[in-house]
C-alpha atoms as a PDB file:
ATOM      1  CA  MET A   1     125.417 156.330 102.180  1.00  0.00           C
ATOM      2  CA  SER A   2     126.728 152.810 102.716  1.00  0.00           C
ATOM      3  CA  TYR A   3     123.329 151.681 104.045  1.00  0.00           C
ATOM      4  CA  LYS A   4     121.816 152.465 100.657  1.00  0.00           C
ATOM      5  CA  TRP A   5     124.339 150.250  98.908  1.00  0.00           C
ATOM      6  CA  ILE A   6     123.889 147.436 101.375  1.00  0.00           C
ATOM      7  CA  GLY A   7     120.117 147.701 100.920  1.00  0.00           C
ATOM      8  CA  ALA A   8     120.522 147.737  97.134  1.00  0.00           C
ATOM      9  CA  MET A   9     122.676 144.603  97.248  1.00  0.00           C
ATOM     10  CA  LEU A  10     120.125 142.875  99.464  1.00  0.00           C
ATOM     11  CA  ILE A  11     117.310 143.777  97.067  1.00  0.00           C
ATOM     12  CA  VAL A  12     119.242 142.530  94.037  1.00  0.00           C
ATOM     13  CA  GLY A  13     120.207 139.356  95.893  1.00  0.00           C
ATOM     14  CA  SER A  14     116.691 138.595  97.051  1.00  0.00           C
ATOM     15  CA  CYS A  15     115.157 139.194  93.619  1.00  0.00           C
ATOM     16  CA  SER A  16     117.862 137.044  92.028  1.00  0.00           C
ATOM     17  CA  GLY A  17     117.171 134.362  94.610  1.00  0.00           C
ATOM     18  CA  PHE A  18     113.493 134.455  93.705  1.00  0.00           C
ATOM     19  CA  GLY A  19     114.341 133.906  90.028  1.00  0.00           C
ATOM     20  CA  VAL A  20     116.585 130.993  90.930  1.00  0.00           C
ATOM     21  CA  SER A  21     113.886 129.529  93.180  1.00  0.00           C
ATOM     22  CA  LEU A  22     111.417 129.610  90.271  1.00  0.00           C
ATOM     23  CA  ALA A  23     113.871 127.642  88.145  1.00  0.00           C
ATOM     24  CA  VAL A  24     114.468 125.124  90.945  1.00  0.00           C
ATOM     25  CA  HIS A  25     110.710 124.786  91.476  1.00  0.00           C
ATOM     26  CA  GLN A  26     110.198 123.863  87.838  1.00  0.00           C
ATOM     27  CA  LYS A  27     113.029 121.312  87.917  1.00  0.00           C
ATOM     28  CA  ARG A  28     111.491 119.770  91.032  1.00  0.00           C
ATOM     29  CA  GLU A  29     108.107 119.553  89.319  1.00  0.00           C
ATOM     30  CA  GLU A  30     109.730 117.698  86.416  1.00  0.00           C
ATOM     31  CA  LEU A  31     111.339 115.280  88.856  1.00  0.00           C
ATOM     32  CA  LEU A  32     108.017 114.610  90.597  1.00  0.00           C
ATOM     33  CA  LEU A  33     106.296 113.975  87.264  1.00  0.00           C
ATOM     34  CA  ARG A  34     109.035 111.523  86.263  1.00  0.00           C
ATOM     35  CA  GLN A  35     108.638 109.715  89.588  1.00  0.00           C
ATOM     36  CA  LEU A  36     104.885 109.590  89.100  1.00  0.00           C
ATOM     37  CA  ILE A  37     105.344 108.062  85.649  1.00  0.00           C
ATOM     38  CA  ARG A  38     107.639 105.413  87.159  1.00  0.00           C
ATOM     39  CA  ILE A  39     105.048 104.648  89.832  1.00  0.00           C
ATOM     40  CA  LEU A  40     102.353 104.304  87.181  1.00  0.00           C
ATOM     41  CA  ASP A  41     104.626 101.984  85.183  1.00  0.00           C
ATOM     42  CA  GLU A  42     105.129  99.787  88.240  1.00  0.00           C
ATOM     43  CA  MET A  43     101.366  99.638  88.788  1.00  0.00           C
ATOM     44  CA  LEU A  44     100.752  98.787  85.140  1.00  0.00           C
ATOM     45  CA  TRP A  45     103.344  96.014  85.248  1.00  0.00           C
ATOM     46  CA  GLU A  46     102.168  94.450  88.490  1.00  0.00           C
ATOM     47  CA  LEU A  47      98.396  94.764  88.339  1.00  0.00           C
ATOM     48  CA  PRO A  48      97.552  92.417  85.424  1.00  0.00           C
ATOM     49  CA  TYR A  49      99.660  89.540  86.700  1.00  0.00           C
ATOM     50  CA  GLN A  50      99.366  89.651  90.472  1.00  0.00           C
ATOM     51  CA  LEU A  51      95.947  91.285  91.072  1.00  0.00           C
ATOM     52  CA  THR A  52      97.424  92.914  94.165  1.00  0.00           C
ATOM     53  CA  PRO A  53      95.016  94.743  96.493  1.00  0.00           C
ATOM     54  CA  LEU A  54      95.185  98.494  95.991  1.00  0.00           C
ATOM     55  CA  PRO A  55      97.017  99.506  99.216  1.00  0.00           C
ATOM     56  CA  GLU A  56      99.708  96.891  98.624  1.00  0.00           C
ATOM     57  CA  LEU A  57      99.913  97.780  94.940  1.00  0.00           C
ATOM     58  CA  ILE A  58     100.616 101.391  95.900  1.00  0.00           C
ATOM     59  CA  ARG A  59     103.256 100.354  98.446  1.00  0.00           C
ATOM     60  CA  HIS A  60     104.992  98.091  95.916  1.00  0.00           C
ATOM     61  CA  ALA A  61     104.918 100.803  93.262  1.00  0.00           C
ATOM     62  CA  VAL A  62     106.596 103.435  95.459  1.00  0.00           C
ATOM     63  CA  GLU A  63     109.393 101.226  96.802  1.00  0.00           C
ATOM     64  CA  LYS A  64     111.898 102.619  94.292  1.00  0.00           C
ATOM     65  CA  SER A  65     110.752 106.219  94.672  1.00  0.00           C
ATOM     66  CA  SER A  66     111.947 108.696  97.235  1.00  0.00           C
ATOM     67  CA  GLY A  67     111.044 111.968  98.832  1.00  0.00           C
ATOM     68  CA  ALA A  68     107.671 113.625  99.074  1.00  0.00           C
ATOM     69  CA  ILE A  69     105.964 111.467  96.461  1.00  0.00           C
ATOM     70  CA  ARG A  70     106.874 108.279  98.324  1.00  0.00           C
ATOM     71  CA  LEU A  71     105.620 109.646 101.638  1.00  0.00           C
ATOM     72  CA  PHE A  72     102.422 110.818  99.980  1.00  0.00           C
ATOM     73  CA  PHE A  73     101.599 107.465  98.399  1.00  0.00           C
ATOM     74  CA  ARG A  74     102.440 105.570 101.581  1.00  0.00           C
ATOM     75  CA  SER A  75     100.035 107.830 103.464  1.00  0.00           C
ATOM     76  CA  VAL A  76      97.353 107.142 100.852  1.00  0.00           C
ATOM     77  CA  ALA A  77      97.935 103.403 101.212  1.00  0.00           C
ATOM     78  CA  ASP A  78      97.587 103.724 104.999  1.00  0.00           C
ATOM     79  CA  GLN A  79      94.343 105.645 104.532  1.00  0.00           C
ATOM     80  CA  LEU A  80      93.067 102.890 102.238  1.00  0.00           C
ATOM     81  CA  ASP A  81      93.979 100.255 104.830  1.00  0.00           C
ATOM     82  CA  ARG A  82      92.036 102.084 107.524  1.00  0.00           C
ATOM     83  CA  GLN A  83      88.956 102.274 105.259  1.00  0.00           C
ATOM     84  CA  VAL A  84      87.655 105.398 106.977  1.00  0.00           C
ATOM     85  CA  LEU A  85      87.041 107.379 103.797  1.00  0.00           C
ATOM     86  CA  PRO A  86      84.612 106.142 101.110  1.00  0.00           C
ATOM     87  CA  ASP A  87      86.875 105.987  98.054  1.00  0.00           C
ATOM     88  CA  VAL A  88      90.407 106.483  96.749  1.00  0.00           C
ATOM     89  CA  LEU A  89      89.815 110.073  95.647  1.00  0.00           C
ATOM     90  CA  CYS A  90      88.802 111.061  99.180  1.00  0.00           C
ATOM     91  CA  CYS A  91      91.952 109.395 100.545  1.00  0.00           C
ATOM     92  CA  VAL A  92      94.095 111.226  97.990  1.00  0.00           C
ATOM     93  CA  GLU A  93      92.464 114.569  98.774  1.00  0.00           C
ATOM     94  CA  ALA A  94      92.890 113.985 102.504  1.00  0.00           C
ATOM     95  CA  GLU A  95      96.625 113.327 102.144  1.00  0.00           C
ATOM     96  CA  LEU A  96      97.350 116.000  99.525  1.00  0.00           C
ATOM     97  CA  LYS A  97      99.380 118.431 101.601  1.00  0.00           C
ATOM     98  CA  GLU A  98     101.994 121.120 101.095  1.00  0.00           C
ATOM     99  CA  PRO A  99     104.984 119.372  99.535  1.00  0.00           C
ATOM    100  CA  ILE A 100     102.921 117.968  96.668  1.00  0.00           C
ATOM    101  CA  SER A 101     100.163 120.569  96.424  1.00  0.00           C
ATOM    102  CA  ALA A 102     102.748 123.294  95.707  1.00  0.00           C
ATOM    103  CA  TYR A 103     103.190 121.794  92.226  1.00  0.00           C
ATOM    104  CA  PRO A 104      99.939 122.315  90.275  1.00  0.00           C
ATOM    105  CA  ARG A 105     100.664 119.856  87.452  1.00  0.00           C
ATOM    106  CA  VAL A 106     101.613 117.078  89.840  1.00  0.00           C
ATOM    107  CA  LYS A 107      98.574 117.798  91.984  1.00  0.00           C
ATOM    108  CA  LYS A 108      96.328 117.622  88.928  1.00  0.00           C
ATOM    109  CA  MET A 109      97.803 114.280  87.861  1.00  0.00           C
ATOM    110  CA  ILE A 110      97.492 112.801  91.342  1.00  0.00           C
ATOM    111  CA  LEU A 111      93.859 113.868  91.584  1.00  0.00           C
ATOM    112  CA  LEU A 112      93.252 112.340  88.160  1.00  0.00           C
ATOM    113  CA  LEU A 113      94.879 109.131  89.356  1.00  0.00           C
ATOM    114  CA  GLY A 114      92.806 109.148  92.538  1.00  0.00           C
ATOM    115  CA  SER A 115      89.600 109.523  90.568  1.00  0.00           C
ATOM    116  CA  SER A 116      90.355 106.477  88.425  1.00  0.00           C
ATOM    117  CA  LEU A 117      91.870 104.075  90.986  1.00  0.00           C
ATOM    118  CA  GLY A 118      89.590 101.477  92.515  1.00  0.00           C
ATOM    119  CA  ARG A 119      86.506 102.292  90.452  1.00  0.00           C
ATOM    120  CA  PHE A 120      86.632  99.840  87.589  1.00  0.00           C
ATOM    121  CA  ASP A 121      87.369  96.217  86.821  1.00  0.00           C
ATOM    122  CA  LEU A 122      90.863  95.163  85.778  1.00  0.00           C
ATOM    123  CA  ALA A 123      90.551  96.283  82.143  1.00  0.00           C
ATOM    124  CA  GLY A 124      89.107  99.655  83.140  1.00  0.00           C
ATOM    125  CA  GLN A 125      91.764 100.072  85.808  1.00  0.00           C
ATOM    126  CA  LEU A 126      94.531  99.442  83.291  1.00  0.00           C
ATOM    127  CA  LYS A 127      92.980 101.919  80.841  1.00  0.00           C
ATOM    128  CA  GLY A 128      92.706 104.527  83.584  1.00  0.00           C
ATOM    129  CA  LEU A 129      96.317 104.071  84.648  1.00  0.00           C
ATOM    130  CA  THR A 130      97.456 104.254  81.029  1.00  0.00           C
ATOM    131  CA  ALA A 131      95.471 107.447  80.471  1.00  0.00           C
ATOM    132  CA  VAL A 132      96.975 109.083  83.553  1.00  0.00           C
ATOM    133  CA  LYS A 133     100.455 107.990  82.479  1.00  0.00           C
ATOM    134  CA  GLU A 134      99.958 109.495  79.016  1.00  0.00           C
ATOM    135  CA  GLN A 135      98.677 112.730  80.536  1.00  0.00           C
ATOM    136  CA  CYS A 136     101.736 112.854  82.845  1.00  0.00           C
ATOM    137  CA  ALA A 137     104.030 112.297  79.864  1.00  0.00           C
ATOM    138  CA  CYS A 138     102.264 115.123  78.010  1.00  0.00           C
ATOM    139  CA  GLU A 139     102.695 117.473  80.987  1.00  0.00           C
ATOM    140  CA  LEU A 140     106.354 116.475  81.260  1.00  0.00           C
ATOM    141  CA  ARG A 141     106.940 117.133  77.551  1.00  0.00           C
ATOM    142  CA  GLU A 142     105.306 120.536  77.952  1.00  0.00           C
ATOM    143  CA  LEU A 143     107.613 121.376  80.851  1.00  0.00           C
ATOM    144  CA  ARG A 144     110.679 120.251  78.914  1.00  0.00           C
ATOM    145  CA  THR A 145     109.823 122.321  75.828  1.00  0.00           C
ATOM    146  CA  ASP A 146     112.272 125.239  75.689  1.00  0.00           C
ATOM    147  CA  ARG A 147     113.310 124.411  79.230  1.00  0.00           C
ATOM    148  CA  GLU A 148     116.808 125.901  79.319  1.00  0.00           C
ATOM    149  CA  PRO A 149     115.927 129.305  77.826  1.00  0.00           C
ATOM    150  CA  ARG A 150     112.901 129.588  80.137  1.00  0.00           C
ATOM    151  CA  LEU A 151     114.919 128.719  83.253  1.00  0.00           C
ATOM    152  CA  ARG A 152     117.669 131.123  82.219  1.00  0.00           C
ATOM    153  CA  SER A 153     115.118 133.872  81.674  1.00  0.00           C
ATOM    154  CA  TYR A 154     113.664 133.268  85.164  1.00  0.00           C
ATOM    155  CA  ARG A 155     117.093 133.811  86.655  1.00  0.00           C
ATOM    156  CA  VAL A 156     117.920 136.819  84.468  1.00  0.00           C
ATOM    157  CA  LEU A 157     114.531 138.454  85.033  1.00  0.00           C
ATOM    158  CA  GLY A 158     114.961 138.072  88.780  1.00  0.00           C
ATOM    159  CA  LEU A 159     118.352 139.745  88.597  1.00  0.00           C
ATOM    160  CA  CYS A 160     117.108 142.528  86.321  1.00  0.00           C
ATOM    161  CA  ALA A 161     114.034 143.182  88.464  1.00  0.00           C
ATOM    162  CA  GLY A 162     116.249 143.433  91.531  1.00  0.00           C
ATOM    163  CA  ALA A 163     118.613 145.811  89.788  1.00  0.00           C
ATOM    164  CA  ALA A 164     115.749 147.972  88.530  1.00  0.00           C
ATOM    165  CA  LEU A 165     114.171 148.119  91.968  1.00  0.00           C
ATOM    166  CA  ALA A 166     117.492 148.975  93.580  1.00  0.00           C
ATOM    167  CA  ILE A 167     118.082 151.772  91.050  1.00  0.00           C
ATOM    168  CA  LEU A 168     114.617 153.177  91.728  1.00  0.00           C
ATOM    169  CA  LEU A 169     115.173 153.177  95.479  1.00  0.00           C
ATOM    170  CA  ILE A 170     118.659 154.713  95.398  1.00  0.00           C
END
């Protein structure tokens, strides 16, 4: 009899944990989008005045960032320095691994950035960076819309699903 209750508590706990992990995942995606916007701002501020080469521009832009996004962009800059792959998009795709690729909106923005970097003259480059920044801001606004009720419902639905499953199994 007690094994059933222990199993029920484990089911409720794991389903609740899944709901909480969904909420944490969304908060992390918001953080990564904010960091990406800051990186794009740094690029937009530095590029017109210094005409920095692309690998160094990326390294300068990510100096104030941290975590997975910083490691990702440093790896892209290293790939660009090696000049093994033909363009920036190929370098971005080669370095796009698990920490970043788990967030679909961030992945989409990074691929959009990779497709516009290094293809145009200065004016086109600035327009491309501005367009990616605006798209990131739009994605961030979309994530922030009704954020608290959505995150609360993720947690509550996880708890309720766990309770329902435990009731069915008991």
